[in-house]
Amino acid sequence: MISSNDFRTGVTIELDGSVWRVVEFLHVKPGKGAAFVRTKLKNAQTGSVVERTFRAGETVPQANLEKRNMQHTYKEAEQFVFMDMETYEESRLSEDQIGAGVKYLKEGMDVNVVRWNDTVLEVELPNSVILEVTETDPGVKGDTATGGTKPAIVETGAQVMVPLFISVGERIKIDTRNDSYLGRE
């Protein structure tokens, strides 16, 4: 159990049979009446956001999330196979369970798989990945780093906007949180 007074951004709680993550919170003490905590909660499974008010000191069950370090070993049909790095057990996850990060998932990549009651909530990729450019327009003499950008397709099939001087075969660093180019490797 966790008190509403202990809410912080990122804390996970169980409410109405699902897991909610505190996105924002505000402790309000009006001049008249009892104090309360106004929160914005995001459902960890569906992504929906709701605003909810709790009385100050009200207790709610805290969600016990299990975070395991796993390695993506291979893809079989529509399933991605991950190996737990401690127990060496295999888990199969679908593209829906992995989410938007699937476009940067490469064999041999270490990820964190967050579970709640044996339900996969999210797959956390590293903040940045290094991938090889497989397709892009050719660079032209005179293209500069401060010039424009062009689309490039990397080895996993993801499309990223890169500077004009990047050519096919180069390895680039990509920020997985906002799909942006960080530099050459």
N, C-alpha and C. Protein backbone atom coordinates (compact mmCIF):
# COMPACT_ATOMS: atom_id res chain seq x y z
N MET A 1 0.84 -1.19 0.00
CA MET A 1 0.00 0.00 0.00
C MET A 1 0.89 1.25 0.00
N ILE A 2 0.40 2.28 -0.65
CA ILE A 2 1.12 3.54 -0.69
C ILE A 2 0.13 4.67 -0.39
N SER A 3 0.59 5.63 0.36
CA SER A 3 -0.25 6.78 0.72
C SER A 3 -0.25 7.77 -0.44
N SER A 4 -1.37 8.46 -0.61
CA SER A 4 -1.44 9.48 -1.67
C SER A 4 -0.45 10.61 -1.40
N ASN A 5 -0.02 10.78 -0.14
CA ASN A 5 0.98 11.80 0.18
C ASN A 5 2.35 11.44 -0.39
N ASP A 6 2.58 10.14 -0.66
CA ASP A 6 3.87 9.68 -1.18
C ASP A 6 3.91 9.57 -2.69
N PHE A 7 2.86 10.04 -3.38
CA PHE A 7 2.86 9.98 -4.84
C PHE A 7 3.99 10.82 -5.41
N ARG A 8 4.67 10.28 -6.38
CA ARG A 8 5.72 10.98 -7.12
C ARG A 8 5.55 10.61 -8.59
N THR A 9 6.09 11.38 -9.48
CA THR A 9 6.03 11.06 -10.90
C THR A 9 6.72 9.73 -11.15
N GLY A 10 6.03 8.83 -11.84
CA GLY A 10 6.59 7.51 -12.15
C GLY A 10 6.15 6.40 -11.22
N VAL A 11 5.52 6.73 -10.09
CA VAL A 11 5.04 5.70 -9.16
C VAL A 11 3.89 4.95 -9.82
N THR A 12 3.86 3.62 -9.66
CA THR A 12 2.79 2.82 -10.24
C THR A 12 1.86 2.32 -9.15
N ILE A 13 0.55 2.41 -9.42
CA ILE A 13 -0.45 1.96 -8.46
C ILE A 13 -1.46 1.06 -9.18
N GLU A 14 -2.16 0.24 -8.38
CA GLU A 14 -3.22 -0.61 -8.92
C GLU A 14 -4.55 0.07 -8.59
N LEU A 15 -5.36 0.23 -9.64
CA LEU A 15 -6.66 0.85 -9.47
C LEU A 15 -7.62 0.21 -10.46
N ASP A 16 -8.78 -0.19 -10.02
CA ASP A 16 -9.82 -0.77 -10.88
C ASP A 16 -9.29 -1.94 -11.72
N GLY A 17 -8.42 -2.75 -11.13
CA GLY A 17 -7.94 -3.95 -11.80
C GLY A 17 -6.87 -3.75 -12.86
N SER A 18 -6.28 -2.56 -12.92
CA SER A 18 -5.18 -2.36 -13.88
C SER A 18 -4.10 -1.47 -13.25
N VAL A 19 -3.00 -1.34 -13.95
CA VAL A 19 -1.85 -0.60 -13.44
C VAL A 19 -1.87 0.82 -14.01
N TRP A 20 -1.66 1.78 -13.12
CA TRP A 20 -1.63 3.19 -13.52
C TRP A 20 -0.32 3.80 -13.06
N ARG A 21 0.27 4.64 -13.91
CA ARG A 21 1.52 5.33 -13.58
C ARG A 21 1.19 6.80 -13.34
N VAL A 22 1.70 7.37 -12.23
CA VAL A 22 1.47 8.77 -11.92
C VAL A 22 2.30 9.62 -12.88
N VAL A 23 1.61 10.45 -13.68
CA VAL A 23 2.28 11.33 -14.63
C VAL A 23 2.51 12.70 -14.00
N GLU A 24 1.48 13.21 -13.32
CA GLU A 24 1.57 14.49 -12.62
C GLU A 24 0.84 14.36 -11.28
N PHE A 25 1.27 15.13 -10.32
CA PHE A 25 0.56 15.16 -9.04
C PHE A 25 0.68 16.56 -8.45
N LEU A 26 -0.32 16.94 -7.68
CA LEU A 26 -0.31 18.24 -7.02
C LEU A 26 -1.00 18.09 -5.67
N HIS A 27 -0.26 18.39 -4.61
CA HIS A 27 -0.83 18.34 -3.27
C HIS A 27 -1.50 19.69 -3.00
N VAL A 28 -2.82 19.67 -2.76
CA VAL A 28 -3.59 20.91 -2.58
C VAL A 28 -4.10 20.98 -1.15
N LYS A 29 -3.83 22.10 -0.48
CA LYS A 29 -4.33 22.33 0.87
C LYS A 29 -5.15 23.61 0.84
N PRO A 30 -6.45 23.46 0.64
CA PRO A 30 -7.30 24.67 0.60
C PRO A 30 -7.40 25.31 1.98
N GLY A 31 -7.76 26.55 2.01
CA GLY A 31 -7.89 27.25 3.30
C GLY A 31 -9.01 26.65 4.14
N LYS A 32 -9.98 26.10 3.49
CA LYS A 32 -11.13 25.52 4.17
C LYS A 32 -11.29 24.08 3.70
N GLY A 33 -11.48 23.15 4.58
CA GLY A 33 -11.68 21.75 4.19
C GLY A 33 -10.38 20.96 4.26
N ALA A 34 -10.48 19.70 3.93
CA ALA A 34 -9.34 18.79 4.03
C ALA A 34 -8.44 18.89 2.80
N ALA A 35 -7.17 18.54 2.99
CA ALA A 35 -6.21 18.54 1.88
C ALA A 35 -6.50 17.36 0.95
N PHE A 36 -6.09 17.51 -0.29
CA PHE A 36 -6.26 16.43 -1.26
C PHE A 36 -5.11 16.43 -2.25
N VAL A 37 -5.01 15.33 -3.00
CA VAL A 37 -3.95 15.20 -4.00
C VAL A 37 -4.62 15.04 -5.36
N ARG A 38 -4.35 15.98 -6.26
CA ARG A 38 -4.89 15.93 -7.62
C ARG A 38 -3.82 15.26 -8.50
N THR A 39 -4.20 14.20 -9.22
CA THR A 39 -3.23 13.46 -10.02
C THR A 39 -3.69 13.30 -11.46
N LYS A 40 -2.72 13.07 -12.32
CA LYS A 40 -2.99 12.66 -13.70
C LYS A 40 -2.34 11.29 -13.81
N LEU A 41 -3.16 10.27 -14.12
CA LEU A 41 -2.70 8.89 -14.17
C LEU A 41 -2.76 8.36 -15.60
N LYS A 42 -1.73 7.58 -16.00
CA LYS A 42 -1.69 6.97 -17.32
C LYS A 42 -1.77 5.47 -17.16
N ASN A 43 -2.71 4.85 -17.87
CA ASN A 43 -2.87 3.40 -17.83
C ASN A 43 -1.68 2.75 -18.52
N ALA A 44 -0.98 1.87 -17.83
CA ALA A 44 0.23 1.24 -18.37
C ALA A 44 -0.08 0.26 -19.49
N GLN A 45 -1.32 -0.26 -19.55
CA GLN A 45 -1.67 -1.22 -20.59
C GLN A 45 -2.24 -0.55 -21.84
N THR A 46 -3.15 0.40 -21.65
CA THR A 46 -3.83 1.01 -22.80
C THR A 46 -3.26 2.37 -23.19
N GLY A 47 -2.60 3.04 -22.26
CA GLY A 47 -2.04 4.36 -22.56
C GLY A 47 -3.00 5.50 -22.33
N SER A 48 -4.24 5.21 -21.91
CA SER A 48 -5.21 6.27 -21.67
C SER A 48 -4.83 7.06 -20.41
N VAL A 49 -5.16 8.34 -20.41
CA VAL A 49 -4.82 9.22 -19.29
C VAL A 49 -6.10 9.73 -18.65
N VAL A 50 -6.15 9.68 -17.31
CA VAL A 50 -7.30 10.20 -16.57
C VAL A 50 -6.81 11.09 -15.44
N GLU A 51 -7.67 11.99 -15.02
CA GLU A 51 -7.37 12.80 -13.85
C GLU A 51 -8.17 12.25 -12.69
N ARG A 52 -7.54 12.15 -11.54
CA ARG A 52 -8.21 11.56 -10.38
C ARG A 52 -7.77 12.32 -9.13
N THR A 53 -8.67 12.50 -8.20
CA THR A 53 -8.37 13.20 -6.95
C THR A 53 -8.46 12.21 -5.79
N PHE A 54 -7.46 12.24 -4.92
CA PHE A 54 -7.42 11.39 -3.73
C PHE A 54 -7.40 12.27 -2.50
N ARG A 55 -8.02 11.80 -1.42
CA ARG A 55 -7.91 12.50 -0.14
C ARG A 55 -6.47 12.39 0.34
N ALA A 56 -5.98 13.39 1.03
CA ALA A 56 -4.61 13.35 1.57
C ALA A 56 -4.52 12.19 2.56
N GLY A 57 -3.52 11.36 2.43
CA GLY A 57 -3.33 10.23 3.32
C GLY A 57 -4.08 8.98 2.92
N GLU A 58 -4.91 9.05 1.88
CA GLU A 58 -5.64 7.87 1.40
C GLU A 58 -4.63 6.85 0.87
N THR A 59 -4.85 5.56 1.20
CA THR A 59 -3.91 4.54 0.74
C THR A 59 -4.50 3.76 -0.42
N VAL A 60 -3.63 3.44 -1.38
CA VAL A 60 -4.02 2.63 -2.54
C VAL A 60 -2.95 1.56 -2.72
N PRO A 61 -3.29 0.41 -3.32
CA PRO A 61 -2.28 -0.63 -3.51
C PRO A 61 -1.22 -0.19 -4.52
N GLN A 62 0.03 -0.42 -4.18
CA GLN A 62 1.12 -0.11 -5.10
C GLN A 62 1.35 -1.32 -6.01
N ALA A 63 1.53 -1.08 -7.29
CA ALA A 63 1.73 -2.17 -8.25
C ALA A 63 3.15 -2.69 -8.15
N ASN A 64 3.29 -3.99 -8.00
CA ASN A 64 4.61 -4.61 -7.97
C ASN A 64 4.99 -4.97 -9.40
N LEU A 65 5.85 -4.18 -9.98
CA LEU A 65 6.31 -4.43 -11.34
C LEU A 65 7.63 -5.17 -11.28
N GLU A 66 7.79 -6.12 -12.17
CA GLU A 66 9.03 -6.89 -12.24
C GLU A 66 9.73 -6.50 -13.54
N LYS A 67 10.96 -6.00 -13.40
CA LYS A 67 11.75 -5.60 -14.56
C LYS A 67 12.88 -6.61 -14.74
N ARG A 68 12.91 -7.27 -15.90
CA ARG A 68 13.92 -8.29 -16.19
C ARG A 68 14.74 -7.88 -17.40
N ASN A 69 16.05 -8.11 -17.29
CA ASN A 69 16.94 -7.85 -18.41
C ASN A 69 16.89 -9.05 -19.35
N MET A 70 16.49 -8.81 -20.60
CA MET A 70 16.35 -9.90 -21.57
C MET A 70 17.06 -9.51 -22.86
N GLN A 71 17.44 -10.53 -23.63
CA GLN A 71 18.11 -10.30 -24.90
C GLN A 71 17.26 -10.85 -26.03
N HIS A 72 17.09 -10.03 -27.08
CA HIS A 72 16.33 -10.48 -28.25
C HIS A 72 17.22 -11.43 -29.03
N THR A 73 16.81 -12.70 -29.13
CA THR A 73 17.65 -13.69 -29.79
C THR A 73 17.28 -13.89 -31.26
N TYR A 74 15.99 -14.01 -31.58
CA TYR A 74 15.59 -14.16 -32.97
C TYR A 74 14.10 -13.92 -33.10
N LYS A 75 13.65 -13.82 -34.36
CA LYS A 75 12.22 -13.64 -34.66
C LYS A 75 11.71 -14.91 -35.32
N GLU A 76 10.60 -15.42 -34.82
CA GLU A 76 10.00 -16.63 -35.38
C GLU A 76 8.57 -16.30 -35.78
N ALA A 77 8.31 -16.28 -37.07
CA ALA A 77 7.01 -15.90 -37.64
C ALA A 77 6.67 -14.49 -37.15
N GLU A 78 5.58 -14.35 -36.40
CA GLU A 78 5.17 -13.03 -35.89
C GLU A 78 5.63 -12.80 -34.45
N GLN A 79 6.33 -13.76 -33.87
CA GLN A 79 6.75 -13.67 -32.47
C GLN A 79 8.23 -13.29 -32.38
N PHE A 80 8.55 -12.44 -31.40
CA PHE A 80 9.93 -12.09 -31.10
C PHE A 80 10.35 -12.91 -29.89
N VAL A 81 11.48 -13.61 -29.98
CA VAL A 81 11.93 -14.48 -28.91
C VAL A 81 13.00 -13.76 -28.10
N PHE A 82 12.78 -13.72 -26.77
CA PHE A 82 13.71 -13.08 -25.85
C PHE A 82 14.22 -14.11 -24.86
N MET A 83 15.48 -13.98 -24.44
CA MET A 83 16.06 -14.88 -23.46
C MET A 83 16.36 -14.10 -22.20
N ASP A 84 15.88 -14.59 -21.06
CA ASP A 84 16.18 -13.99 -19.76
C ASP A 84 17.67 -14.20 -19.49
N MET A 85 18.38 -13.14 -19.19
CA MET A 85 19.83 -13.22 -19.03
C MET A 85 20.26 -13.84 -17.69
N GLU A 86 19.32 -14.04 -16.76
CA GLU A 86 19.65 -14.68 -15.49
C GLU A 86 19.28 -16.15 -15.48
N THR A 87 18.07 -16.47 -15.94
CA THR A 87 17.59 -17.85 -15.88
C THR A 87 17.73 -18.59 -17.21
N TYR A 88 18.04 -17.89 -18.28
CA TYR A 88 18.17 -18.45 -19.63
C TYR A 88 16.86 -19.06 -20.14
N GLU A 89 15.72 -18.58 -19.62
CA GLU A 89 14.42 -19.02 -20.12
C GLU A 89 14.02 -18.14 -21.30
N GLU A 90 13.29 -18.73 -22.24
CA GLU A 90 12.84 -17.98 -23.40
C GLU A 90 11.42 -17.49 -23.21
N SER A 91 11.16 -16.28 -23.71
CA SER A 91 9.81 -15.71 -23.72
C SER A 91 9.52 -15.24 -25.13
N ARG A 92 8.27 -15.39 -25.54
CA ARG A 92 7.86 -14.94 -26.88
C ARG A 92 6.88 -13.79 -26.72
N LEU A 93 7.18 -12.70 -27.42
CA LEU A 93 6.34 -11.51 -27.35
C LEU A 93 5.91 -11.13 -28.76
N SER A 94 4.70 -10.56 -28.85
CA SER A 94 4.20 -10.12 -30.15
C SER A 94 4.61 -8.66 -30.38
N GLU A 95 4.40 -8.23 -31.60
CA GLU A 95 4.73 -6.84 -31.96
C GLU A 95 3.91 -5.86 -31.13
N ASP A 96 2.66 -6.20 -30.82
CA ASP A 96 1.80 -5.31 -30.01
C ASP A 96 2.34 -5.16 -28.60
N GLN A 97 2.86 -6.23 -28.02
CA GLN A 97 3.40 -6.17 -26.66
C GLN A 97 4.67 -5.32 -26.61
N ILE A 98 5.46 -5.34 -27.66
CA ILE A 98 6.71 -4.58 -27.68
C ILE A 98 6.45 -3.11 -27.90
N GLY A 99 5.48 -2.79 -28.75
CA GLY A 99 5.13 -1.40 -28.97
C GLY A 99 5.92 -0.75 -30.10
N ALA A 100 6.04 0.56 -30.06
CA ALA A 100 6.66 1.34 -31.13
C ALA A 100 8.15 1.05 -31.27
N GLY A 101 8.79 0.59 -30.23
CA GLY A 101 10.22 0.32 -30.26
C GLY A 101 10.62 -0.85 -31.13
N VAL A 102 9.63 -1.59 -31.65
CA VAL A 102 9.93 -2.77 -32.46
C VAL A 102 10.74 -2.40 -33.71
N LYS A 103 10.60 -1.18 -34.19
CA LYS A 103 11.32 -0.80 -35.41
C LYS A 103 12.82 -0.67 -35.21
N TYR A 104 13.28 -0.62 -33.96
CA TYR A 104 14.72 -0.55 -33.68
C TYR A 104 15.26 -1.85 -33.09
N LEU A 105 14.42 -2.85 -32.94
CA LEU A 105 14.82 -4.11 -32.30
C LEU A 105 15.69 -4.93 -33.24
N LYS A 106 16.87 -5.29 -32.76
CA LYS A 106 17.85 -6.02 -33.56
C LYS A 106 18.26 -7.26 -32.77
N GLU A 107 18.57 -8.33 -33.46
CA GLU A 107 19.00 -9.55 -32.78
C GLU A 107 20.24 -9.28 -31.94
N GLY A 108 20.24 -9.81 -30.70
CA GLY A 108 21.37 -9.60 -29.80
C GLY A 108 21.23 -8.37 -28.92
N MET A 109 20.15 -7.59 -29.09
CA MET A 109 19.96 -6.37 -28.32
C MET A 109 19.42 -6.68 -26.93
N ASP A 110 19.99 -6.05 -25.90
CA ASP A 110 19.48 -6.19 -24.53
C ASP A 110 18.39 -5.17 -24.28
N VAL A 111 17.27 -5.62 -23.69
CA VAL A 111 16.15 -4.75 -23.36
C VAL A 111 15.68 -5.08 -21.95
N ASN A 112 14.88 -4.21 -21.37
CA ASN A 112 14.24 -4.48 -20.09
C ASN A 112 12.76 -4.75 -20.35
N VAL A 113 12.28 -5.90 -19.89
CA VAL A 113 10.88 -6.26 -20.05
C VAL A 113 10.19 -6.05 -18.70
N VAL A 114 9.18 -5.17 -18.68
CA VAL A 114 8.46 -4.85 -17.45
C VAL A 114 7.17 -5.65 -17.43
N ARG A 115 6.99 -6.44 -16.35
CA ARG A 115 5.80 -7.29 -16.21
C ARG A 115 5.04 -6.95 -14.93
N TRP A 116 3.73 -7.21 -14.99
CA TRP A 116 2.87 -7.10 -13.83
C TRP A 116 1.93 -8.29 -13.87
N ASN A 117 2.01 -9.14 -12.84
CA ASN A 117 1.20 -10.37 -12.77
C ASN A 117 1.31 -11.18 -14.08
N ASP A 118 2.51 -11.41 -14.54
CA ASP A 118 2.79 -12.16 -15.76
C ASP A 118 2.23 -11.53 -17.04
N THR A 119 1.84 -10.27 -16.97
CA THR A 119 1.39 -9.54 -18.14
C THR A 119 2.49 -8.55 -18.52
N VAL A 120 2.92 -8.57 -19.78
CA VAL A 120 3.97 -7.64 -20.22
C VAL A 120 3.35 -6.26 -20.39
N LEU A 121 3.87 -5.28 -19.66
CA LEU A 121 3.38 -3.92 -19.77
C LEU A 121 4.15 -3.14 -20.82
N GLU A 122 5.48 -3.27 -20.81
CA GLU A 122 6.27 -2.55 -21.80
C GLU A 122 7.63 -3.20 -21.97
N VAL A 123 8.24 -2.91 -23.09
CA VAL A 123 9.60 -3.35 -23.38
C VAL A 123 10.42 -2.08 -23.53
N GLU A 124 11.39 -1.90 -22.62
CA GLU A 124 12.22 -0.69 -22.63
C GLU A 124 13.48 -0.94 -23.44
N LEU A 125 13.61 -0.24 -24.56
CA LEU A 125 14.81 -0.31 -25.38
C LEU A 125 15.86 0.62 -24.81
N PRO A 126 17.13 0.45 -25.20
CA PRO A 126 18.14 1.43 -24.79
C PRO A 126 17.77 2.81 -25.35
N ASN A 127 18.23 3.88 -24.71
CA ASN A 127 17.91 5.23 -25.18
C ASN A 127 18.45 5.51 -26.57
N SER A 128 19.56 4.88 -26.93
CA SER A 128 20.10 5.07 -28.27
C SER A 128 20.60 3.74 -28.81
N VAL A 129 20.50 3.59 -30.14
CA VAL A 129 20.97 2.39 -30.81
C VAL A 129 21.86 2.79 -31.99
N ILE A 130 22.76 1.89 -32.36
CA ILE A 130 23.64 2.13 -33.50
C ILE A 130 23.22 1.16 -34.60
N LEU A 131 22.80 1.72 -35.74
CA LEU A 131 22.32 0.90 -36.85
C LEU A 131 22.96 1.36 -38.16
N GLU A 132 23.00 0.45 -39.12
CA GLU A 132 23.60 0.75 -40.41
C GLU A 132 22.54 1.25 -41.39
N VAL A 133 22.88 2.28 -42.15
CA VAL A 133 21.99 2.83 -43.16
C VAL A 133 22.00 1.88 -44.36
N THR A 134 20.81 1.40 -44.78
CA THR A 134 20.74 0.48 -45.91
C THR A 134 20.21 1.15 -47.17
N GLU A 135 19.51 2.27 -47.01
CA GLU A 135 18.92 2.91 -48.17
C GLU A 135 18.76 4.40 -47.90
N THR A 136 19.30 5.22 -48.80
CA THR A 136 19.11 6.67 -48.73
C THR A 136 19.58 7.27 -50.06
N ASP A 137 19.18 8.49 -50.32
CA ASP A 137 19.66 9.17 -51.52
C ASP A 137 21.16 9.39 -51.38
N PRO A 138 21.90 9.38 -52.47
CA PRO A 138 23.34 9.56 -52.35
C PRO A 138 23.71 10.97 -51.90
N GLY A 139 24.83 11.06 -51.17
CA GLY A 139 25.33 12.36 -50.74
C GLY A 139 25.98 13.06 -51.92
N VAL A 140 25.84 14.36 -52.00
CA VAL A 140 26.40 15.14 -53.10
C VAL A 140 27.46 16.06 -52.54
N LYS A 141 28.55 16.27 -53.31
CA LYS A 141 29.61 17.15 -52.86
C LYS A 141 29.02 18.54 -52.58
N GLY A 142 29.37 19.08 -51.43
CA GLY A 142 28.85 20.38 -51.05
C GLY A 142 27.79 20.29 -49.96
N ASP A 143 27.27 19.08 -49.72
CA ASP A 143 26.30 18.90 -48.62
C ASP A 143 27.01 19.17 -47.30
N THR A 144 26.37 19.90 -46.42
CA THR A 144 27.02 20.25 -45.16
C THR A 144 26.22 19.72 -43.97
N ALA A 145 26.87 19.73 -42.83
CA ALA A 145 26.22 19.24 -41.60
C ALA A 145 25.10 20.17 -41.17
N THR A 146 25.18 21.44 -41.55
CA THR A 146 24.15 22.39 -41.12
C THR A 146 23.05 22.53 -42.15
N GLY A 147 23.15 21.77 -43.24
CA GLY A 147 22.13 21.84 -44.30
C GLY A 147 20.86 21.13 -43.90
N GLY A 148 20.13 20.67 -44.90
CA GLY A 148 18.85 20.02 -44.66
C GLY A 148 19.00 18.57 -44.24
N THR A 149 17.86 17.89 -44.28
CA THR A 149 17.86 16.47 -43.93
C THR A 149 17.17 15.69 -45.03
N LYS A 150 17.37 14.38 -45.00
CA LYS A 150 16.76 13.48 -45.97
C LYS A 150 16.37 12.20 -45.24
N PRO A 151 15.39 11.46 -45.76
CA PRO A 151 15.02 10.20 -45.10
C PRO A 151 16.06 9.10 -45.40
N ALA A 152 16.30 8.26 -44.42
CA ALA A 152 17.18 7.11 -44.58
C ALA A 152 16.52 5.91 -43.93
N ILE A 153 16.70 4.73 -44.53
CA ILE A 153 16.16 3.50 -43.96
C ILE A 153 17.34 2.73 -43.38
N VAL A 154 17.20 2.29 -42.13
CA VAL A 154 18.27 1.56 -41.45
C VAL A 154 18.01 0.07 -41.54
N GLU A 155 18.97 -0.73 -41.06
CA GLU A 155 18.93 -2.19 -41.22
C GLU A 155 17.70 -2.85 -40.63
N THR A 156 17.03 -2.24 -39.65
CA THR A 156 15.84 -2.85 -39.05
C THR A 156 14.57 -2.47 -39.80
N GLY A 157 14.69 -1.56 -40.81
CA GLY A 157 13.53 -1.15 -41.58
C GLY A 157 12.94 0.18 -41.14
N ALA A 158 13.46 0.77 -40.07
CA ALA A 158 12.95 2.05 -39.57
C ALA A 158 13.44 3.18 -40.47
N GLN A 159 12.60 4.22 -40.57
CA GLN A 159 12.99 5.40 -41.35
C GLN A 159 13.34 6.53 -40.39
N VAL A 160 14.49 7.16 -40.64
CA VAL A 160 14.99 8.24 -39.78
C VAL A 160 15.43 9.38 -40.67
N MET A 161 15.22 10.61 -40.22
CA MET A 161 15.71 11.77 -40.96
C MET A 161 17.17 11.99 -40.57
N VAL A 162 18.05 12.07 -41.60
CA VAL A 162 19.49 12.21 -41.37
C VAL A 162 20.01 13.41 -42.16
N PRO A 163 21.18 13.92 -41.79
CA PRO A 163 21.78 15.01 -42.58
C PRO A 163 22.09 14.55 -44.01
N LEU A 164 22.24 15.50 -44.91
CA LEU A 164 22.44 15.19 -46.32
C LEU A 164 23.72 14.42 -46.62
N PHE A 165 24.75 14.53 -45.77
CA PHE A 165 26.03 13.90 -46.07
C PHE A 165 26.09 12.41 -45.72
N ILE A 166 25.08 11.87 -45.06
CA ILE A 166 25.06 10.45 -44.70
C ILE A 166 24.81 9.62 -45.96
N SER A 167 25.57 8.52 -46.11
CA SER A 167 25.40 7.67 -47.29
C SER A 167 25.16 6.21 -46.85
N VAL A 168 24.80 5.38 -47.81
CA VAL A 168 24.50 3.96 -47.56
C VAL A 168 25.75 3.27 -47.00
N GLY A 169 25.56 2.42 -45.99
CA GLY A 169 26.66 1.68 -45.40
C GLY A 169 27.22 2.31 -44.14
N GLU A 170 26.88 3.57 -43.86
CA GLU A 170 27.39 4.22 -42.65
C GLU A 170 26.59 3.75 -41.44
N ARG A 171 27.26 3.72 -40.30
CA ARG A 171 26.60 3.36 -39.04
C ARG A 171 26.28 4.65 -38.30
N ILE A 172 25.00 4.80 -37.92
CA ILE A 172 24.57 6.03 -37.24
C ILE A 172 23.96 5.71 -35.89
N LYS A 173 24.00 6.70 -34.99
CA LYS A 173 23.41 6.56 -33.66
C LYS A 173 22.05 7.25 -33.69
N ILE A 174 21.01 6.53 -33.21
CA ILE A 174 19.64 7.03 -33.24
C ILE A 174 19.06 7.05 -31.84
N ASP A 175 18.37 8.13 -31.49
CA ASP A 175 17.67 8.24 -30.21
C ASP A 175 16.33 7.52 -30.36
N THR A 176 16.12 6.43 -29.60
CA THR A 176 14.89 5.63 -29.75
C THR A 176 13.67 6.31 -29.13
N ARG A 177 13.88 7.33 -28.30
CA ARG A 177 12.75 7.99 -27.65
C ARG A 177 12.02 8.94 -28.59
N ASN A 178 12.78 9.60 -29.49
CA ASN A 178 12.13 10.55 -30.39
C ASN A 178 12.51 10.36 -31.86
N ASP A 179 13.09 9.22 -32.20
CA ASP A 179 13.43 8.85 -33.58
C ASP A 179 14.36 9.85 -34.26
N SER A 180 15.29 10.43 -33.51
CA SER A 180 16.15 11.44 -34.11
C SER A 180 17.58 10.94 -34.29
N TYR A 181 18.26 11.52 -35.26
CA TYR A 181 19.66 11.22 -35.58
C TYR A 181 20.54 11.89 -34.54
N LEU A 182 21.49 11.14 -33.96
CA LEU A 182 22.39 11.69 -32.95
C LEU A 182 23.81 11.88 -33.48
N GLY A 183 24.22 11.10 -34.47
CA GLY A 183 25.57 11.24 -34.99
C GLY A 183 26.04 9.98 -35.68
N ARG A 184 27.23 10.04 -36.22
CA ARG A 184 27.84 8.88 -36.86
C ARG A 184 28.56 8.04 -35.82
N GLU A 185 28.78 6.78 -36.14
CA GLU A 185 29.55 5.91 -35.26
C GLU A 185 30.78 5.44 -35.96
